[in-house]
Protein backbone atom coordinates (compact mmCIF):
# COMPACT_ATOMS: atom_id res chain seq x y z
CA MET A 1 -69.46 81.30 252.08
CA SER A 2 -69.26 84.17 254.52
CA GLY A 3 -66.53 84.92 257.01
CA SER A 4 -63.91 87.53 257.89
CA SER A 5 -61.25 88.57 255.40
CA ASN A 6 -58.85 86.14 257.08
CA TYR A 7 -61.20 83.18 257.01
CA ARG A 8 -63.85 81.56 254.84
CA VAL A 9 -66.67 79.35 256.05
CA GLU A 10 -66.91 75.85 254.63
CA LYS A 11 -69.58 73.22 255.25
CA ASP A 12 -69.59 69.46 255.14
CA SER A 13 -72.02 66.79 256.34
CA MET A 14 -70.89 67.35 259.93
CA GLY A 15 -71.29 71.13 260.05
CA GLU A 16 -69.30 74.32 259.46
CA LYS A 17 -65.72 75.39 260.11
CA LEU A 18 -63.63 78.50 259.59
CA ILE A 19 -60.86 77.89 257.08
CA PRO A 20 -57.90 80.32 256.75
CA SER A 21 -58.59 82.25 253.56
CA ASP A 22 -55.07 81.78 252.18
CA VAL A 23 -55.00 77.97 252.25
CA TYR A 24 -56.12 75.76 249.38
CA TYR A 25 -57.24 72.79 251.41
CA GLY A 26 -60.73 72.68 252.84
CA ILE A 27 -62.88 71.53 255.71
CA GLN A 28 -62.22 67.80 255.47
CA THR A 29 -58.46 68.39 255.46
CA LEU A 30 -58.77 70.68 258.48
CA ARG A 31 -60.72 68.06 260.39
CA ALA A 32 -58.00 65.52 259.60
CA THR A 33 -55.22 67.79 260.90
CA GLU A 34 -57.20 68.22 264.12
CA ASN A 35 -57.86 64.50 264.45
CA PHE A 36 -54.38 63.20 263.64
CA PRO A 37 -51.58 65.22 265.29
CA ILE A 38 -49.54 62.03 265.43
CA SER A 39 -46.05 62.09 263.92
CA GLY A 40 -45.48 65.37 262.13
CA LEU A 41 -44.71 63.31 259.02
CA LYS A 42 -46.39 64.64 255.90
CA PRO A 43 -47.06 62.76 252.65
CA LEU A 44 -43.99 62.01 250.58
CA PRO A 45 -43.55 64.25 247.51
CA THR A 46 -43.53 61.22 245.22
CA TYR A 47 -46.82 60.03 246.70
CA ILE A 48 -48.33 63.48 246.14
CA ASP A 49 -47.10 63.36 242.53
CA ALA A 50 -48.74 59.96 242.07
CA CYS A 51 -52.07 61.27 243.34
CA LEU A 52 -51.83 64.34 241.11
CA LEU A 53 -51.11 62.23 238.03
CA ILE A 54 -54.20 60.15 238.83
CA LYS A 55 -56.36 63.25 239.21
CA LYS A 56 -54.99 64.67 235.98
CA ALA A 57 -55.73 61.44 234.13
CA THR A 58 -59.21 61.10 235.60
CA ALA A 59 -60.12 64.69 234.74
CA ILE A 60 -59.04 64.19 231.12
CA ALA A 61 -60.80 60.83 230.84
CA ASN A 62 -64.03 62.10 232.40
CA SER A 63 -64.10 65.15 230.16
CA GLN A 64 -63.51 63.01 227.07
CA LEU A 65 -66.41 60.80 228.15
CA ASN A 66 -68.62 63.87 228.78
CA CYS A 67 -68.88 63.12 232.50
CA ILE A 68 -67.63 66.54 233.69
CA PRO A 69 -67.61 69.89 231.84
CA GLN A 70 -64.55 70.60 229.70
CA ASP A 71 -63.73 73.93 231.33
CA ILE A 72 -63.73 72.38 234.78
CA ALA A 73 -61.58 69.47 233.60
CA ASP A 74 -59.13 71.88 231.99
CA ALA A 75 -58.87 73.87 235.23
CA ILE A 76 -58.26 70.70 237.25
CA VAL A 77 -55.55 69.58 234.82
CA GLN A 78 -53.89 73.02 234.94
CA ALA A 79 -53.98 72.97 238.74
CA ALA A 80 -52.44 69.49 238.80
CA ASN A 81 -49.69 70.54 236.39
CA GLU A 82 -48.86 73.61 238.46
CA ILE A 83 -48.46 71.53 241.61
CA LEU A 84 -46.44 68.89 239.78
CA GLN A 85 -44.12 71.71 238.75
CA GLY A 86 -43.62 72.79 242.37
CA GLN A 87 -46.42 75.16 243.34
CA LEU A 88 -48.61 74.77 246.46
CA ARG A 89 -46.60 71.81 247.75
CA ASP A 90 -47.07 73.02 251.31
CA GLN A 91 -50.83 72.50 251.10
CA PHE A 92 -50.65 68.72 251.64
CA VAL A 93 -50.72 68.64 255.40
CA VAL A 94 -52.36 65.46 256.68
CA ASP A 95 -50.24 63.27 258.94
CA VAL A 96 -49.02 59.96 257.49
CA TYR A 97 -50.90 58.13 260.25
CA GLN A 98 -54.49 59.02 259.52
CA ALA A 99 -57.97 57.78 258.67
CA GLY A 100 -58.09 54.26 257.32
CA ALA A 101 -57.62 53.72 253.58
CA GLY A 102 -56.24 57.25 253.17
CA THR A 103 -59.48 59.20 252.85
CA SER A 104 -58.04 62.22 254.63
CA HIS A 105 -55.06 62.57 252.29
CA HIS A 106 -57.29 61.85 249.31
CA MET A 107 -59.67 64.64 250.24
CA ASN A 108 -56.69 66.94 250.88
CA VAL A 109 -55.70 66.39 247.23
CA ASN A 110 -59.27 66.85 246.00
CA GLU A 111 -59.77 70.08 247.94
CA VAL A 112 -56.46 71.67 246.89
CA LEU A 113 -57.14 70.90 243.24
CA ALA A 114 -60.73 72.15 243.49
CA ASN A 115 -59.74 75.45 245.10
CA ARG A 116 -56.90 76.11 242.68
CA ALA A 117 -59.24 75.23 239.77
CA LEU A 118 -61.75 77.75 241.15
CA GLU A 119 -59.09 80.47 241.10
CA ILE A 120 -58.18 79.56 237.53
CA LEU A 121 -61.85 79.95 236.59
CA GLY A 122 -62.04 83.34 238.30
CA GLU A 123 -63.94 82.12 241.36
CA GLU A 124 -63.20 82.33 245.07
CA LYS A 125 -61.77 79.43 247.01
CA GLY A 126 -64.49 77.46 248.74
CA ASN A 127 -67.16 78.09 246.08
CA TYR A 128 -67.77 74.40 245.58
CA GLN A 129 -71.00 75.02 243.66
CA ARG A 130 -68.78 75.72 240.65
CA VAL A 131 -66.02 73.15 241.22
CA SER A 132 -66.57 70.44 243.83
CA PRO A 133 -63.82 68.33 245.39
CA ASN A 134 -66.22 65.37 245.45
CA ASP A 135 -68.45 65.84 242.42
CA ASN A 136 -65.85 67.07 239.93
CA VAL A 137 -62.27 66.35 241.01
CA ASN A 138 -63.32 62.97 242.40
CA TYR A 139 -65.91 62.07 239.78
CA GLY A 140 -66.19 58.30 239.35
CA GLN A 141 -63.56 57.68 242.00
CA SER A 142 -63.26 56.49 245.55
CA THR A 143 -60.45 56.49 248.06
CA ASN A 144 -60.71 52.74 247.81
CA ASP A 145 -59.50 52.59 244.21
CA VAL A 146 -57.46 55.81 244.06
CA ILE A 147 -55.11 55.05 246.95
CA PRO A 148 -54.00 51.55 245.88
CA THR A 149 -53.42 53.01 242.42
CA ALA A 150 -51.42 55.89 243.92
CA ILE A 151 -49.23 53.41 245.81
CA ARG A 152 -48.56 51.60 242.54
CA VAL A 153 -47.77 54.77 240.62
CA GLY A 154 -45.70 56.23 243.47
CA ALA A 155 -43.64 53.06 243.79
CA LEU A 156 -43.05 52.96 240.03
CA LEU A 157 -41.94 56.60 240.01
CA ALA A 158 -39.56 56.02 242.93
CA LEU A 159 -38.07 52.90 241.37
CA GLU A 160 -37.55 54.54 237.98
CA HIS A 161 -36.16 57.86 239.19
CA ASN A 162 -34.36 56.80 242.34
CA LEU A 163 -33.50 53.17 243.03
CA TYR A 164 -32.70 51.86 239.55
CA PRO A 165 -30.27 54.68 238.65
CA ALA A 166 -28.57 54.28 242.02
CA LEU A 167 -28.18 50.53 241.54
CA ASP A 168 -26.90 50.96 237.98
CA ASN A 169 -24.22 53.39 239.14
CA ALA A 170 -23.20 51.20 242.07
CA ILE A 171 -22.91 48.16 239.80
CA ALA A 172 -20.73 50.11 237.35
CA ILE A 173 -18.40 51.39 240.11
CA VAL A 174 -18.07 47.99 241.77
CA LYS A 175 -17.24 46.43 238.40
CA GLN A 176 -14.58 49.09 237.90
CA LYS A 177 -13.06 48.29 241.29
CA ALA A 178 -13.17 44.57 240.53
CA ASN A 179 -11.03 45.13 237.45
CA GLN A 180 -8.71 47.49 239.33
CA PHE A 181 -8.08 45.01 242.17
CA GLN A 182 -8.10 41.78 240.17
CA ASP A 183 -4.38 41.02 240.62
CA ILE A 184 -4.32 41.64 244.40
CA VAL A 185 -4.30 38.43 246.44
CA ARG A 186 -5.69 38.45 249.96
CA SER A 187 -6.47 35.83 252.56
CA GLY A 188 -9.98 34.50 252.47
CA ARG A 189 -11.79 34.19 255.80
CA THR A 190 -14.58 31.85 256.83
CA HIS A 191 -16.01 31.73 260.36
CA MET A 192 -13.85 34.85 260.86
CA GLN A 193 -10.81 32.56 260.65
CA ASP A 194 -8.10 32.19 258.00
CA ALA A 195 -9.19 30.55 254.75
CA VAL A 196 -7.59 29.91 251.38
CA PRO A 197 -6.45 32.94 249.32
CA ILE A 198 -8.74 34.81 246.95
CA ARG A 199 -8.49 37.88 244.72
CA LEU A 200 -9.62 41.19 246.15
CA GLY A 201 -11.12 41.93 242.75
CA GLU A 202 -13.35 38.88 243.05
CA ASN A 203 -14.83 40.27 246.26
CA PHE A 204 -16.01 43.25 244.28
CA ARG A 205 -17.06 41.11 241.32
CA ALA A 206 -19.25 39.07 243.67
CA TRP A 207 -20.88 42.27 244.93
CA GLU A 208 -21.45 43.34 241.33
CA GLN A 209 -23.35 40.11 240.68
CA ILE A 210 -25.30 40.37 243.94
CA LEU A 211 -26.53 43.89 243.13
CA THR A 212 -27.33 42.93 239.53
CA ASP A 213 -29.43 39.99 240.70
CA HIS A 214 -31.31 42.22 243.13
CA LYS A 215 -32.19 44.68 240.38
CA ILE A 216 -33.56 41.83 238.30
CA ARG A 217 -35.68 40.59 241.22
CA ILE A 218 -37.10 44.04 241.87
CA SER A 219 -37.78 44.62 238.16
CA ASN A 220 -39.71 41.36 238.02
CA ALA A 221 -41.74 42.24 241.11
CA GLU A 222 -42.48 45.68 239.63
CA LYS A 223 -44.62 44.07 236.93
CA ASP A 224 -47.32 43.29 239.50
CA LEU A 225 -47.79 47.04 239.91
CA TYR A 226 -48.94 47.49 236.30
CA SER A 227 -52.49 46.16 236.93
CA LEU A 228 -54.73 48.95 238.24
CA GLY A 229 -57.94 48.74 240.22
CA LEU A 230 -58.76 52.32 239.27
CA GLY A 231 -62.32 52.38 237.97
CA GLY A 232 -63.55 49.98 240.60
CA SER A 233 -65.00 52.90 242.59
CA ALA A 234 -66.03 52.04 246.15
CA VAL A 235 -65.97 48.23 246.20
CA GLY A 236 -64.78 47.14 242.78
CA THR A 237 -68.08 47.15 240.88
CA GLY A 238 -67.39 50.40 239.01
CA LEU A 239 -70.47 52.16 240.40
CA ASN A 240 -70.84 55.76 239.06
CA THR A 241 -68.17 55.29 236.36
CA HIS A 242 -68.44 55.31 232.58
CA PRO A 243 -67.89 51.85 230.99
CA GLN A 244 -64.83 53.13 229.12
CA TYR A 245 -63.42 55.10 232.03
CA ARG A 246 -61.14 52.41 233.48
CA HIS A 247 -59.51 51.77 230.10
CA ARG A 248 -59.11 55.45 229.23
CA VAL A 249 -57.61 56.43 232.57
CA ALA A 250 -55.17 53.48 232.62
CA GLU A 251 -54.00 54.43 229.14
CA LEU A 252 -53.41 58.03 230.21
CA LEU A 253 -51.53 57.01 233.34
CA GLY A 254 -49.42 54.70 231.21
CA GLU A 255 -48.49 57.66 229.02
CA PHE A 256 -47.64 59.80 232.05
CA THR A 257 -45.42 57.14 233.68
CA GLY A 258 -44.00 55.38 230.64
CA LYS A 259 -45.18 52.04 232.03
CA PRO A 260 -47.56 49.51 230.42
CA LEU A 261 -50.41 50.12 232.84
CA ALA A 262 -53.79 48.47 232.28
CA PRO A 263 -57.04 47.78 234.14
CA ALA A 264 -56.80 44.70 236.33
CA LYS A 265 -58.59 41.59 235.18
CA HIS A 266 -60.71 41.84 238.32
CA LEU A 267 -60.92 45.32 239.81
CA MET A 268 -62.14 44.08 243.16
CA ALA A 269 -59.11 41.82 243.52
CA ALA A 270 -56.72 44.66 242.67
CA MET A 271 -58.40 46.89 245.27
CA GLN A 272 -58.46 44.32 248.07
CA SER A 273 -55.12 42.54 247.80
CA MET A 274 -51.95 44.31 248.86
CA SER A 275 -49.79 41.41 247.65
CA PRO A 276 -48.04 43.42 244.87
CA PHE A 277 -46.77 45.81 247.51
CA VAL A 278 -45.64 42.96 249.75
CA ALA A 279 -43.79 41.42 246.79
CA VAL A 280 -41.90 44.61 245.99
CA SER A 281 -41.21 45.29 249.65
CA SER A 282 -39.84 41.79 250.17
CA CYS A 283 -37.41 42.40 247.30
CA LEU A 284 -36.33 45.64 248.97
CA ARG A 285 -35.82 43.80 252.25
CA ASN A 286 -33.74 41.20 250.43
CA LEU A 287 -31.58 43.91 248.86
CA ALA A 288 -31.24 45.57 252.26
CA GLN A 289 -29.95 42.45 253.98
CA ASP A 290 -27.24 41.98 251.35
CA LEU A 291 -26.31 45.66 251.60
CA VAL A 292 -25.87 45.19 255.35
CA LYS A 293 -23.51 42.30 254.69
CA ILE A 294 -21.52 44.33 252.14
CA SER A 295 -21.32 47.33 254.45
CA HIS A 296 -20.08 45.10 257.28
CA ASP A 297 -17.45 43.58 254.99
CA LEU A 298 -16.23 47.04 254.04
CA ARG A 299 -15.89 47.99 257.69
CA LEU A 300 -13.98 44.81 258.55
CA MET A 301 -11.60 45.08 255.59
CA ASP A 302 -10.91 48.72 256.49
CA SER A 303 -10.57 48.07 260.24
CA GLY A 304 -7.50 49.49 261.95
CA PRO A 305 -5.49 51.34 260.88
CA LYS A 306 -2.91 49.76 263.20
CA THR A 307 -4.80 47.02 265.02
CA GLY A 308 -7.25 45.76 262.40
CA LEU A 309 -7.16 44.18 258.95
CA LYS A 310 -6.68 47.36 256.91
CA GLU A 311 -6.68 45.52 253.58
CA ILE A 312 -8.52 48.41 251.95
CA GLN A 313 -8.79 52.12 252.65
CA LEU A 314 -12.24 53.67 252.59
CA PRO A 315 -12.13 57.37 251.75
CA PRO A 316 -12.38 59.48 254.94
CA VAL A 317 -15.27 61.93 254.64
CA GLN A 318 -15.39 63.52 258.11
CA PRO A 319 -13.57 63.49 261.47
CA GLY A 320 -14.53 60.39 263.39
CA SER A 321 -14.26 61.35 267.03
CA SER A 322 -14.98 64.27 269.30
CA ILE A 323 -12.10 63.26 271.57
CA MET A 324 -9.60 61.14 269.57
CA PRO A 325 -7.64 63.27 267.08
CA GLY A 326 -6.90 61.87 263.64
CA LYS A 327 -9.61 59.23 263.82
CA TYR A 328 -11.70 58.48 260.70
CA ASN A 329 -14.64 56.10 260.78
CA PRO A 330 -16.38 54.11 258.02
CA VAL A 331 -19.42 56.36 258.34
CA MET A 332 -20.94 55.69 254.91
CA ALA A 333 -20.99 51.96 255.57
CA GLU A 334 -22.42 52.57 259.05
CA MET A 335 -25.17 54.77 257.63
CA THR A 336 -25.97 52.09 255.03
CA SER A 337 -26.63 49.48 257.69
CA GLN A 338 -28.89 51.81 259.65
CA VAL A 339 -31.04 52.57 256.61
CA CYS A 340 -31.23 48.90 255.72
CA PHE A 341 -32.41 48.01 259.22
CA GLN A 342 -35.16 50.61 258.80
CA VAL A 343 -36.20 49.15 255.43
CA ILE A 344 -36.39 45.68 256.98
CA GLY A 345 -38.62 47.13 259.71
CA TYR A 346 -40.81 48.86 257.14
CA ASP A 347 -41.20 45.56 255.30
CA THR A 348 -42.49 43.88 258.45
CA ALA A 349 -45.01 46.68 258.97
CA ILE A 350 -46.13 46.41 255.32
CA LEU A 351 -46.68 42.68 255.74
CA PHE A 352 -48.82 43.16 258.84
CA ALA A 353 -50.78 45.97 257.20
CA ALA A 354 -51.38 43.95 254.04
CA GLN A 355 -53.02 41.07 255.88
CA ALA A 356 -55.12 43.40 258.05
CA GLY A 357 -57.78 44.23 255.45
CA GLN A 358 -61.36 43.13 255.92
CA LEU A 359 -63.92 42.25 253.24
CA GLU A 360 -63.89 44.86 250.46
CA LEU A 361 -61.22 47.20 251.82
CA ASN A 362 -57.78 47.33 253.40
CA VAL A 363 -57.83 50.33 255.72
CA MET A 364 -54.10 50.16 256.44
CA MET A 365 -53.09 51.59 253.04
CA PRO A 366 -51.66 54.89 254.38
CA LEU A 367 -49.02 52.90 256.25
CA ILE A 368 -48.22 50.79 253.18
CA ALA A 369 -48.00 53.89 250.96
CA TYR A 370 -45.52 55.67 253.19
CA ASN A 371 -43.39 52.66 254.09
CA LEU A 372 -43.09 51.27 250.57
CA ILE A 373 -42.28 54.52 248.75
CA HIS A 374 -40.02 55.70 251.56
CA SER A 375 -38.14 52.39 251.53
CA ILE A 376 -37.49 52.70 247.80
CA GLU A 377 -36.30 56.27 248.12
CA ILE A 378 -34.05 55.93 251.16
CA LEU A 379 -32.49 52.78 249.69
CA GLY A 380 -31.83 54.65 246.45
CA ASN A 381 -30.40 57.66 248.29
CA THR A 382 -28.26 55.39 250.46
CA ILE A 383 -26.83 53.44 247.54
CA SER A 384 -26.07 56.71 245.73
CA ALA A 385 -24.29 58.14 248.76
CA LEU A 386 -22.40 54.91 249.46
CA THR A 387 -21.27 54.74 245.83
CA THR A 388 -20.06 58.32 245.46
CA LYS A 389 -18.67 58.85 248.98
CA CYS A 390 -17.25 55.38 249.60
CA LEU A 391 -17.11 52.75 246.85
CA ALA A 392 -15.72 55.04 244.15
CA GLY A 393 -12.81 56.12 246.36
CA ILE A 394 -11.71 52.77 247.79
CA THR A 395 -8.00 52.00 247.48
CA ALA A 396 -6.29 48.69 248.19
CA ARG A 397 -3.45 47.97 250.62
CA GLY A 398 -1.80 45.39 248.39
CA ASP A 399 1.15 44.84 250.72
CA ARG A 400 -1.11 44.13 253.66
CA CYS A 401 -3.26 41.77 251.59
CA GLN A 402 -0.20 39.88 250.37
CA SER A 403 1.25 39.57 253.87
CA TYR A 404 -1.96 38.07 255.27
CA ALA A 405 -2.29 35.70 252.30
CA GLU A 406 1.27 34.42 252.69
CA GLY A 407 0.93 33.98 256.44
CA SER A 408 -2.42 32.21 256.44
CA LEU A 409 -2.47 28.72 257.94
CA ALA A 410 -5.18 27.88 255.46
CA LEU A 411 -2.49 27.53 252.79
CA VAL A 412 -2.10 23.94 254.00
CA THR A 413 -5.43 23.23 252.26
CA ALA A 414 -3.53 23.17 248.95
CA LEU A 415 -1.35 20.36 250.38
CA ASN A 416 -4.29 17.99 251.01
CA THR A 417 -4.07 16.19 247.67
CA HIS A 418 -0.29 15.85 247.98
CA ILE A 419 0.40 14.89 251.60
CA GLY A 420 -3.10 14.05 252.90
CA TYR A 421 -5.51 15.89 255.21
CA LEU A 422 -4.03 14.59 258.50
CA ASN A 423 -0.44 15.41 257.55
CA ALA A 424 -1.59 18.89 256.42
CA ALA A 425 -3.41 19.38 259.73
CA ASN A 426 -0.27 18.44 261.67
CA VAL A 427 1.77 20.89 259.62
CA ALA A 428 -0.72 23.66 260.43
CA LYS A 429 -0.66 22.77 264.13
CA GLU A 430 3.14 22.82 264.27
CA SER A 431 3.26 26.14 262.40
CA LEU A 432 0.87 27.71 264.87
CA GLU A 433 2.78 26.36 267.89
CA THR A 434 6.33 27.11 266.72
CA GLY A 435 5.87 30.12 264.47
CA LYS A 436 7.69 28.31 261.65
CA SER A 437 6.31 28.75 258.14
CA ILE A 438 4.38 26.02 256.42
CA ARG A 439 7.09 25.88 253.77
CA GLU A 440 9.82 25.27 256.40
CA ILE A 441 7.92 22.46 258.10
CA VAL A 442 6.98 20.61 254.92
CA LEU A 443 10.57 20.69 253.65
CA SER A 444 12.11 19.73 257.00
CA GLN A 445 9.81 16.70 257.27
CA GLY A 446 10.53 15.68 253.69
CA LEU A 447 6.86 15.66 252.77
CA MET A 448 7.49 17.40 249.41
CA ASP A 449 10.46 18.68 247.48
CA GLU A 450 11.13 22.40 247.04
CA ASN A 451 10.08 22.67 243.38
CA GLN A 452 6.82 20.79 243.93
CA LEU A 453 6.04 22.81 247.03
CA ALA A 454 6.63 26.10 245.21
CA LYS A 455 4.12 25.11 242.56
CA VAL A 456 1.51 24.03 245.10
CA LEU A 457 1.86 27.15 247.24
CA ASP A 458 1.68 29.54 244.27
CA LEU A 459 -0.71 32.21 245.63
CA ASP A 460 -1.44 33.57 242.19
CA LYS A 461 -2.56 30.17 240.96
CA MET A 462 -4.40 29.24 244.16
CA SER A 463 -6.53 32.39 244.12
CA LYS A 464 -7.73 32.11 240.54
CA ILE A 465 -11.32 31.01 240.04
CA ILE A 466 -11.44 27.65 238.24
CA ASP A 467 -13.41 27.85 235.03
CA GLY A 468 -16.04 25.17 234.67
């Protein structure tokens, strides 16, 4: 391991390379950075954490099973803990788009842990005779079972710490707004045309139910992530692993994540099939499409202020124009739609990647890992931002809502059972042509008396949801 003071020499099966002496990654990582200068995107922090938790669990399990020396295992665990706590995070440098299956990122993790473990043991970085990235850090493992496990663990971490809290808060705020706006009547609209009156609060109550249902769907899909292929080694047979290893490591990872993780019934199946990731991603896509609809509704209801609906006021958070003074745009809702479009695109890429595996391996896992975890996190961040910067500050324009509800031609719908559909249609037509109110026309034609008409056109009664 000779070299100048600024470099060390490392060897692999392809030859030698000079590695900067201050870095903790090694020769295989360096080759990957040279081979894949693609996007500038580096592995997500949550994905790194997932890999570190796996390496920590495997080191403990292998030491307990007498597969690697205790002092080496302890050093690996200490190194993993240090990085989990924030140290050396800049050492994970391989582009997201990289060697199939994620070998490059996997070796990046192995090399950083090995070199930090060497320092802990009083050795120099690169002295892999004492601690080897392959023989010690990666004992009993393969990229082929580590990476699908890391995707599972990373997705679970992102859901638990990001998306679920964001959804819970959004649901609580929307429920609060539903109660606040329950007595405000507004005109319903279907086909972008006038419809019968509804309560503004019920709009928000519907959104509350929609978001609640999505959380349930995602929580159900999450359960497919609990079965781990870790221990399958290269192709699912468990070659070079202790018979108890898969059980011990799943138990440890379960303790680290707080999830009921367990070895899959068939390790090969868990390593080959990406269907759990497709299932979770499809739930994210489904949530995204409803969030787009909600964000569009918010923009429509806030449109104006003079020439639009302006039934609600979204809180202004920044100036809206570089040329038009006093303009404020629904930027949080706009941002929400953009993120959701991206998540829908990521889902399509995940689907294509999932079906692109061959025989014993899916080599498209780096794409799945990034897209799935990133989708969870940007959706969570978006919902959090939308909730705090938009939903929580919405106010209602009750006067505007009432005016639209009273002027809607769709009020004639309530007359159907009293004067018949055709008579009601003629009333609506005359009202539109003459500008006279529905009330005036019905009374002038003697279709109903004033007391009966007042009861039928009671907006408060018409907009209440009928219990069934």
